[in-house]
Amino acid sequence: MELNGLLESTVAGMGYELVGLERPARGRLLRIYIDRPGGVSVDDCAAVSHQVSRVLAVENVNYERLEVSSPGLDRLLRKEGDFARFAGQRARVRMRVPVDGQRNFVGVVREANAGRVQLEVDGRMVSLELGDVETARLVPNI
């Protein structure tokens, strides 16, 4: 089983969502981000770290350090479901290719379906192809 699928099933079995996985090219760090309704505590991260390290040992996955964290206030949005879940919140989206001459958008997520996200930017609706999104993050209300 591939690493992402292995981690996703392990974390889901514990009642969490695997939000992200980072494995930098240098070093042997494995960083995973988890979430669940109501948020994630330090105890949640410790429990997931303990379980994941056992699974990785059984599956013979080579890593040096494991970090488990919440996605933070500026959470990454990757899947259509992420955008749908956070409809009504502000997001910063960077596109791989320009849309109407623009690559960076900051606006309120209105909806996400059929591979597109609708973003309200300065009072106008912008439709963005999810496959062309380079990065997208929530904009924290601070």
N, C-alpha and C. Protein backbone atom coordinates (compact mmCIF):
# COMPACT_ATOMS: atom_id res chain seq x y z
N MET A 1 0.85 -1.18 0.00
CA MET A 1 0.00 0.00 0.00
C MET A 1 0.90 1.24 0.00
N GLU A 2 0.52 2.26 -0.76
CA GLU A 2 1.30 3.49 -0.80
C GLU A 2 1.17 4.23 0.53
N LEU A 3 2.16 5.08 0.82
CA LEU A 3 2.25 5.75 2.11
C LEU A 3 1.02 6.60 2.42
N ASN A 4 0.56 7.39 1.47
CA ASN A 4 -0.60 8.25 1.71
C ASN A 4 -1.83 7.42 2.07
N GLY A 5 -2.07 6.35 1.35
CA GLY A 5 -3.21 5.48 1.64
C GLY A 5 -3.08 4.80 2.99
N LEU A 6 -1.88 4.37 3.32
CA LEU A 6 -1.62 3.74 4.61
C LEU A 6 -1.91 4.70 5.76
N LEU A 7 -1.40 5.92 5.65
CA LEU A 7 -1.62 6.91 6.69
C LEU A 7 -3.08 7.33 6.77
N GLU A 8 -3.70 7.48 5.61
CA GLU A 8 -5.11 7.89 5.59
C GLU A 8 -5.99 6.87 6.29
N SER A 9 -5.78 5.59 6.01
CA SER A 9 -6.61 4.57 6.65
C SER A 9 -6.31 4.47 8.14
N THR A 10 -5.06 4.62 8.53
CA THR A 10 -4.69 4.56 9.95
C THR A 10 -5.33 5.70 10.73
N VAL A 11 -5.17 6.92 10.21
CA VAL A 11 -5.69 8.10 10.87
C VAL A 11 -7.23 8.08 10.89
N ALA A 12 -7.84 7.69 9.78
CA ALA A 12 -9.30 7.62 9.71
C ALA A 12 -9.84 6.60 10.70
N GLY A 13 -9.13 5.50 10.88
CA GLY A 13 -9.54 4.48 11.85
C GLY A 13 -9.54 4.99 13.28
N MET A 14 -8.82 6.07 13.52
CA MET A 14 -8.77 6.68 14.85
C MET A 14 -9.76 7.84 14.98
N GLY A 15 -10.50 8.14 13.91
CA GLY A 15 -11.49 9.20 13.96
C GLY A 15 -11.00 10.56 13.51
N TYR A 16 -9.88 10.60 12.81
CA TYR A 16 -9.31 11.87 12.33
C TYR A 16 -9.29 11.88 10.81
N GLU A 17 -9.07 13.06 10.27
CA GLU A 17 -8.90 13.23 8.83
C GLU A 17 -7.44 13.54 8.55
N LEU A 18 -6.86 12.86 7.58
CA LEU A 18 -5.51 13.19 7.15
C LEU A 18 -5.61 14.38 6.21
N VAL A 19 -5.13 15.53 6.67
CA VAL A 19 -5.24 16.76 5.90
C VAL A 19 -4.07 16.90 4.94
N GLY A 20 -2.89 16.49 5.38
CA GLY A 20 -1.72 16.65 4.53
C GLY A 20 -0.59 15.76 4.97
N LEU A 21 0.33 15.57 4.04
CA LEU A 21 1.51 14.75 4.26
C LEU A 21 2.67 15.45 3.59
N GLU A 22 3.75 15.68 4.33
CA GLU A 22 4.95 16.28 3.76
C GLU A 22 6.11 15.33 4.01
N ARG A 23 6.88 15.15 2.99
CA ARG A 23 8.09 14.34 3.09
C ARG A 23 9.17 15.06 2.30
N PRO A 24 9.84 16.03 2.97
CA PRO A 24 10.85 16.83 2.27
C PRO A 24 11.92 15.95 1.61
N ALA A 25 12.45 16.43 0.50
CA ALA A 25 13.43 15.66 -0.27
C ALA A 25 14.69 15.39 0.55
N ARG A 26 15.11 16.36 1.33
CA ARG A 26 16.29 16.18 2.16
C ARG A 26 15.88 15.64 3.52
N GLY A 27 16.71 14.82 4.09
CA GLY A 27 16.41 14.28 5.40
C GLY A 27 15.36 13.20 5.32
N ARG A 28 15.00 12.70 6.44
CA ARG A 28 14.01 11.63 6.47
C ARG A 28 12.88 11.97 7.42
N LEU A 29 12.42 13.21 7.30
CA LEU A 29 11.32 13.71 8.10
C LEU A 29 10.00 13.30 7.45
N LEU A 30 9.05 12.93 8.27
CA LEU A 30 7.70 12.63 7.81
C LEU A 30 6.77 13.50 8.65
N ARG A 31 6.07 14.44 8.02
CA ARG A 31 5.19 15.36 8.73
C ARG A 31 3.77 15.13 8.25
N ILE A 32 2.86 14.88 9.18
CA ILE A 32 1.46 14.71 8.80
C ILE A 32 0.60 15.71 9.56
N TYR A 33 -0.47 16.14 8.90
CA TYR A 33 -1.41 17.08 9.48
C TYR A 33 -2.75 16.37 9.61
N ILE A 34 -3.34 16.47 10.81
CA ILE A 34 -4.62 15.81 11.07
C ILE A 34 -5.65 16.84 11.53
N ASP A 35 -6.91 16.48 11.37
CA ASP A 35 -7.98 17.35 11.83
C ASP A 35 -9.19 16.50 12.15
N ARG A 36 -10.12 17.10 12.86
CA ARG A 36 -11.43 16.50 13.12
C ARG A 36 -12.35 17.62 13.59
N PRO A 37 -13.65 17.43 13.48
CA PRO A 37 -14.57 18.47 13.95
C PRO A 37 -14.28 18.81 15.41
N GLY A 38 -14.22 20.08 15.70
CA GLY A 38 -13.91 20.51 17.06
C GLY A 38 -12.44 20.79 17.28
N GLY A 39 -11.61 20.42 16.32
CA GLY A 39 -10.19 20.71 16.40
C GLY A 39 -9.37 19.56 16.95
N VAL A 40 -8.07 19.80 17.04
CA VAL A 40 -7.10 18.79 17.43
C VAL A 40 -6.29 19.32 18.61
N SER A 41 -6.11 18.48 19.62
CA SER A 41 -5.31 18.86 20.79
C SER A 41 -3.92 18.23 20.71
N VAL A 42 -3.06 18.61 21.63
CA VAL A 42 -1.73 18.03 21.72
C VAL A 42 -1.85 16.53 22.03
N ASP A 43 -2.81 16.16 22.87
CA ASP A 43 -3.03 14.75 23.18
C ASP A 43 -3.45 13.95 21.95
N ASP A 44 -4.25 14.58 21.07
CA ASP A 44 -4.64 13.93 19.82
C ASP A 44 -3.41 13.67 18.96
N CYS A 45 -2.56 14.66 18.85
CA CYS A 45 -1.34 14.52 18.04
C CYS A 45 -0.44 13.43 18.60
N ALA A 46 -0.32 13.36 19.92
CA ALA A 46 0.51 12.33 20.55
C ALA A 46 -0.06 10.94 20.30
N ALA A 47 -1.38 10.79 20.41
CA ALA A 47 -2.01 9.48 20.17
C ALA A 47 -1.82 9.04 18.73
N VAL A 48 -2.00 9.95 17.79
CA VAL A 48 -1.83 9.61 16.38
C VAL A 48 -0.36 9.28 16.09
N SER A 49 0.55 10.05 16.66
CA SER A 49 1.97 9.81 16.48
C SER A 49 2.34 8.40 16.96
N HIS A 50 1.85 8.03 18.11
CA HIS A 50 2.13 6.71 18.68
C HIS A 50 1.62 5.60 17.76
N GLN A 51 0.38 5.73 17.30
CA GLN A 51 -0.21 4.70 16.44
C GLN A 51 0.47 4.65 15.08
N VAL A 52 0.72 5.80 14.48
CA VAL A 52 1.34 5.85 13.16
C VAL A 52 2.75 5.28 13.21
N SER A 53 3.51 5.59 14.26
CA SER A 53 4.88 5.06 14.35
C SER A 53 4.87 3.53 14.41
N ARG A 54 3.88 2.96 15.09
CA ARG A 54 3.76 1.49 15.13
C ARG A 54 3.43 0.92 13.75
N VAL A 55 2.51 1.55 13.06
CA VAL A 55 2.12 1.09 11.72
C VAL A 55 3.30 1.20 10.76
N LEU A 56 4.04 2.30 10.84
CA LEU A 56 5.19 2.49 9.95
C LEU A 56 6.27 1.45 10.22
N ALA A 57 6.44 1.07 11.48
CA ALA A 57 7.43 0.03 11.82
C ALA A 57 7.01 -1.31 11.23
N VAL A 58 5.73 -1.65 11.36
CA VAL A 58 5.21 -2.91 10.82
C VAL A 58 5.34 -2.94 9.30
N GLU A 59 5.06 -1.80 8.66
CA GLU A 59 5.10 -1.71 7.20
C GLU A 59 6.51 -1.45 6.66
N ASN A 60 7.47 -1.34 7.55
CA ASN A 60 8.87 -1.15 7.17
C ASN A 60 9.11 0.14 6.37
N VAL A 61 8.46 1.22 6.80
CA VAL A 61 8.63 2.52 6.15
C VAL A 61 9.85 3.19 6.79
N ASN A 62 10.77 3.62 5.96
CA ASN A 62 12.03 4.19 6.42
C ASN A 62 11.86 5.70 6.63
N TYR A 63 11.98 6.14 7.87
CA TYR A 63 11.94 7.56 8.21
C TYR A 63 12.77 7.75 9.47
N GLU A 64 13.16 8.99 9.72
CA GLU A 64 13.98 9.28 10.89
C GLU A 64 13.17 9.98 11.97
N ARG A 65 12.30 10.91 11.56
CA ARG A 65 11.52 11.69 12.52
C ARG A 65 10.08 11.84 12.02
N LEU A 66 9.15 11.69 12.94
CA LEU A 66 7.73 11.83 12.64
C LEU A 66 7.19 13.03 13.39
N GLU A 67 6.49 13.90 12.69
CA GLU A 67 5.81 15.04 13.31
C GLU A 67 4.33 14.96 12.97
N VAL A 68 3.49 15.12 13.97
CA VAL A 68 2.04 15.13 13.78
C VAL A 68 1.54 16.47 14.30
N SER A 69 0.74 17.16 13.49
CA SER A 69 0.30 18.51 13.83
C SER A 69 -1.12 18.76 13.34
N SER A 70 -1.73 19.79 13.90
CA SER A 70 -3.01 20.25 13.36
C SER A 70 -2.70 21.09 12.12
N PRO A 71 -3.67 21.31 11.26
CA PRO A 71 -3.41 22.09 10.05
C PRO A 71 -3.23 23.58 10.31
N GLY A 72 -3.58 24.07 11.49
CA GLY A 72 -3.40 25.48 11.82
C GLY A 72 -4.53 26.36 11.30
N LEU A 73 -4.47 27.62 11.68
CA LEU A 73 -5.51 28.57 11.27
C LEU A 73 -5.50 28.85 9.78
N ASP A 74 -4.32 28.77 9.17
CA ASP A 74 -4.21 29.02 7.73
C ASP A 74 -4.15 27.69 6.98
N ARG A 75 -5.05 26.82 7.33
CA ARG A 75 -5.12 25.46 6.82
C ARG A 75 -5.07 25.41 5.29
N LEU A 76 -4.34 24.42 4.79
CA LEU A 76 -4.31 24.17 3.35
C LEU A 76 -5.66 23.62 2.89
N LEU A 77 -6.09 24.03 1.73
CA LEU A 77 -7.29 23.48 1.09
C LEU A 77 -6.81 22.74 -0.14
N ARG A 78 -7.06 21.44 -0.19
CA ARG A 78 -6.54 20.64 -1.31
C ARG A 78 -7.63 19.99 -2.14
N LYS A 79 -8.62 19.45 -1.46
CA LYS A 79 -9.66 18.69 -2.15
C LYS A 79 -10.93 19.52 -2.28
N GLU A 80 -11.78 19.10 -3.18
CA GLU A 80 -13.07 19.77 -3.36
C GLU A 80 -13.83 19.81 -2.05
N GLY A 81 -13.77 18.72 -1.30
CA GLY A 81 -14.45 18.65 -0.01
C GLY A 81 -13.94 19.67 0.99
N ASP A 82 -12.65 20.00 0.91
CA ASP A 82 -12.08 21.03 1.80
C ASP A 82 -12.73 22.38 1.51
N PHE A 83 -12.83 22.71 0.24
CA PHE A 83 -13.44 23.99 -0.13
C PHE A 83 -14.92 24.01 0.27
N ALA A 84 -15.62 22.91 0.06
CA ALA A 84 -17.04 22.84 0.42
C ALA A 84 -17.21 22.98 1.93
N ARG A 85 -16.35 22.32 2.69
CA ARG A 85 -16.42 22.36 4.16
C ARG A 85 -16.23 23.77 4.69
N PHE A 86 -15.37 24.55 4.04
CA PHE A 86 -15.07 25.89 4.53
C PHE A 86 -15.75 26.99 3.71
N ALA A 87 -16.86 26.66 3.08
CA ALA A 87 -17.65 27.66 2.35
C ALA A 87 -18.05 28.75 3.34
N GLY A 88 -17.95 29.99 2.89
CA GLY A 88 -18.27 31.12 3.74
C GLY A 88 -17.05 31.73 4.40
N GLN A 89 -15.90 31.08 4.27
CA GLN A 89 -14.68 31.61 4.87
C GLN A 89 -13.75 32.16 3.78
N ARG A 90 -12.87 33.05 4.20
CA ARG A 90 -11.93 33.66 3.25
C ARG A 90 -10.78 32.71 2.97
N ALA A 91 -10.34 32.73 1.72
CA ALA A 91 -9.23 31.88 1.30
C ALA A 91 -8.32 32.66 0.35
N ARG A 92 -7.05 32.25 0.36
CA ARG A 92 -6.06 32.80 -0.57
C ARG A 92 -5.72 31.67 -1.54
N VAL A 93 -5.94 31.89 -2.83
CA VAL A 93 -5.74 30.84 -3.84
C VAL A 93 -4.72 31.34 -4.87
N ARG A 94 -3.74 30.48 -5.13
CA ARG A 94 -2.74 30.78 -6.18
C ARG A 94 -2.92 29.73 -7.27
N MET A 95 -3.10 30.20 -8.50
CA MET A 95 -3.33 29.33 -9.64
C MET A 95 -2.02 29.03 -10.38
N ARG A 96 -1.96 27.85 -11.00
CA ARG A 96 -0.79 27.50 -11.83
C ARG A 96 -0.76 28.32 -13.11
N VAL A 97 -1.93 28.55 -13.65
CA VAL A 97 -2.05 29.34 -14.88
C VAL A 97 -2.99 30.53 -14.61
N PRO A 98 -2.73 31.66 -15.19
CA PRO A 98 -3.56 32.84 -14.93
C PRO A 98 -5.02 32.64 -15.38
N VAL A 99 -5.91 33.23 -14.63
CA VAL A 99 -7.34 33.28 -14.97
C VAL A 99 -7.65 34.76 -15.17
N ASP A 100 -8.01 35.13 -16.39
CA ASP A 100 -8.25 36.53 -16.74
C ASP A 100 -7.04 37.39 -16.37
N GLY A 101 -5.82 36.85 -16.62
CA GLY A 101 -4.59 37.59 -16.37
C GLY A 101 -4.15 37.65 -14.92
N GLN A 102 -4.81 36.89 -14.05
CA GLN A 102 -4.51 36.95 -12.63
C GLN A 102 -4.24 35.55 -12.09
N ARG A 103 -3.22 35.40 -11.24
CA ARG A 103 -2.89 34.10 -10.64
C ARG A 103 -3.24 34.02 -9.15
N ASN A 104 -3.32 35.17 -8.47
CA ASN A 104 -3.57 35.19 -7.03
C ASN A 104 -4.94 35.78 -6.74
N PHE A 105 -5.70 35.08 -5.90
CA PHE A 105 -7.05 35.51 -5.55
C PHE A 105 -7.22 35.40 -4.04
N VAL A 106 -7.88 36.39 -3.45
CA VAL A 106 -8.28 36.33 -2.05
C VAL A 106 -9.75 36.69 -2.02
N GLY A 107 -10.55 35.76 -1.48
CA GLY A 107 -11.98 36.00 -1.43
C GLY A 107 -12.68 34.97 -0.58
N VAL A 108 -13.98 35.04 -0.57
CA VAL A 108 -14.81 34.14 0.23
C VAL A 108 -15.21 32.94 -0.63
N VAL A 109 -14.96 31.76 -0.10
CA VAL A 109 -15.36 30.53 -0.78
C VAL A 109 -16.88 30.46 -0.72
N ARG A 110 -17.51 30.36 -1.88
CA ARG A 110 -18.98 30.29 -1.93
C ARG A 110 -19.46 28.86 -2.13
N GLU A 111 -18.81 28.12 -3.03
CA GLU A 111 -19.18 26.72 -3.23
C GLU A 111 -18.09 26.00 -4.01
N ALA A 112 -18.15 24.68 -3.93
CA ALA A 112 -17.21 23.86 -4.68
C ALA A 112 -17.94 22.61 -5.15
N ASN A 113 -17.95 22.41 -6.45
CA ASN A 113 -18.53 21.18 -7.01
C ASN A 113 -18.09 21.04 -8.47
N ALA A 114 -18.20 19.84 -8.95
CA ALA A 114 -17.87 19.51 -10.34
C ALA A 114 -16.46 19.96 -10.72
N GLY A 115 -15.52 19.89 -9.76
CA GLY A 115 -14.14 20.23 -10.07
C GLY A 115 -13.83 21.71 -10.13
N ARG A 116 -14.76 22.52 -9.64
CA ARG A 116 -14.55 23.97 -9.66
C ARG A 116 -14.87 24.55 -8.28
N VAL A 117 -14.25 25.68 -7.98
CA VAL A 117 -14.55 26.41 -6.75
C VAL A 117 -15.00 27.81 -7.14
N GLN A 118 -16.06 28.27 -6.50
CA GLN A 118 -16.59 29.61 -6.73
C GLN A 118 -16.09 30.49 -5.60
N LEU A 119 -15.38 31.54 -5.94
CA LEU A 119 -14.78 32.45 -4.98
C LEU A 119 -15.35 33.85 -5.22
N GLU A 120 -15.84 34.49 -4.16
CA GLU A 120 -16.32 35.86 -4.28
C GLU A 120 -15.16 36.80 -3.96
N VAL A 121 -14.71 37.51 -4.98
CA VAL A 121 -13.56 38.41 -4.86
C VAL A 121 -14.03 39.83 -5.15
N ASP A 122 -13.97 40.68 -4.16
CA ASP A 122 -14.35 42.10 -4.33
C ASP A 122 -15.73 42.25 -4.97
N GLY A 123 -16.69 41.46 -4.50
CA GLY A 123 -18.07 41.58 -4.97
C GLY A 123 -18.39 40.87 -6.27
N ARG A 124 -17.41 40.23 -6.89
CA ARG A 124 -17.69 39.48 -8.13
C ARG A 124 -17.33 38.01 -7.93
N MET A 125 -18.03 37.16 -8.64
CA MET A 125 -17.79 35.73 -8.53
C MET A 125 -16.73 35.30 -9.55
N VAL A 126 -15.78 34.51 -9.06
CA VAL A 126 -14.72 33.97 -9.91
C VAL A 126 -14.80 32.45 -9.81
N SER A 127 -14.85 31.80 -10.96
CA SER A 127 -14.89 30.34 -11.02
C SER A 127 -13.50 29.81 -11.36
N LEU A 128 -12.96 28.97 -10.46
CA LEU A 128 -11.60 28.47 -10.64
C LEU A 128 -11.61 26.95 -10.77
N GLU A 129 -10.83 26.44 -11.70
CA GLU A 129 -10.68 25.00 -11.92
C GLU A 129 -9.78 24.43 -10.81
N LEU A 130 -10.30 23.47 -10.04
CA LEU A 130 -9.52 22.91 -8.93
C LEU A 130 -8.23 22.25 -9.40
N GLY A 131 -8.23 21.68 -10.57
CA GLY A 131 -7.02 21.04 -11.10
C GLY A 131 -5.91 22.03 -11.41
N ASP A 132 -6.24 23.31 -11.52
CA ASP A 132 -5.25 24.34 -11.82
C ASP A 132 -4.80 25.11 -10.57
N VAL A 133 -5.33 24.74 -9.40
CA VAL A 133 -4.95 25.42 -8.17
C VAL A 133 -3.56 24.95 -7.75
N GLU A 134 -2.64 25.90 -7.59
CA GLU A 134 -1.30 25.57 -7.11
C GLU A 134 -1.30 25.42 -5.59
N THR A 135 -1.80 26.43 -4.88
CA THR A 135 -1.96 26.35 -3.42
C THR A 135 -3.21 27.13 -3.04
N ALA A 136 -3.81 26.69 -1.95
CA ALA A 136 -4.96 27.42 -1.41
C ALA A 136 -4.92 27.26 0.11
N ARG A 137 -5.12 28.35 0.81
CA ARG A 137 -5.11 28.35 2.27
C ARG A 137 -6.24 29.23 2.78
N LEU A 138 -6.75 28.87 3.96
CA LEU A 138 -7.70 29.75 4.63
C LEU A 138 -6.96 31.01 5.09
N VAL A 139 -7.68 32.11 5.13
CA VAL A 139 -7.14 33.36 5.67
C VAL A 139 -7.73 33.51 7.06
N PRO A 140 -6.88 33.42 8.11
CA PRO A 140 -7.40 33.49 9.47
C PRO A 140 -8.05 34.83 9.79
N ASN A 141 -9.11 34.79 10.58
CA ASN A 141 -9.77 36.01 11.07
C ASN A 141 -9.10 36.41 12.37
N ILE A 142 -8.14 37.28 12.27
CA ILE A 142 -7.39 37.68 13.48
C ILE A 142 -7.71 39.10 13.84
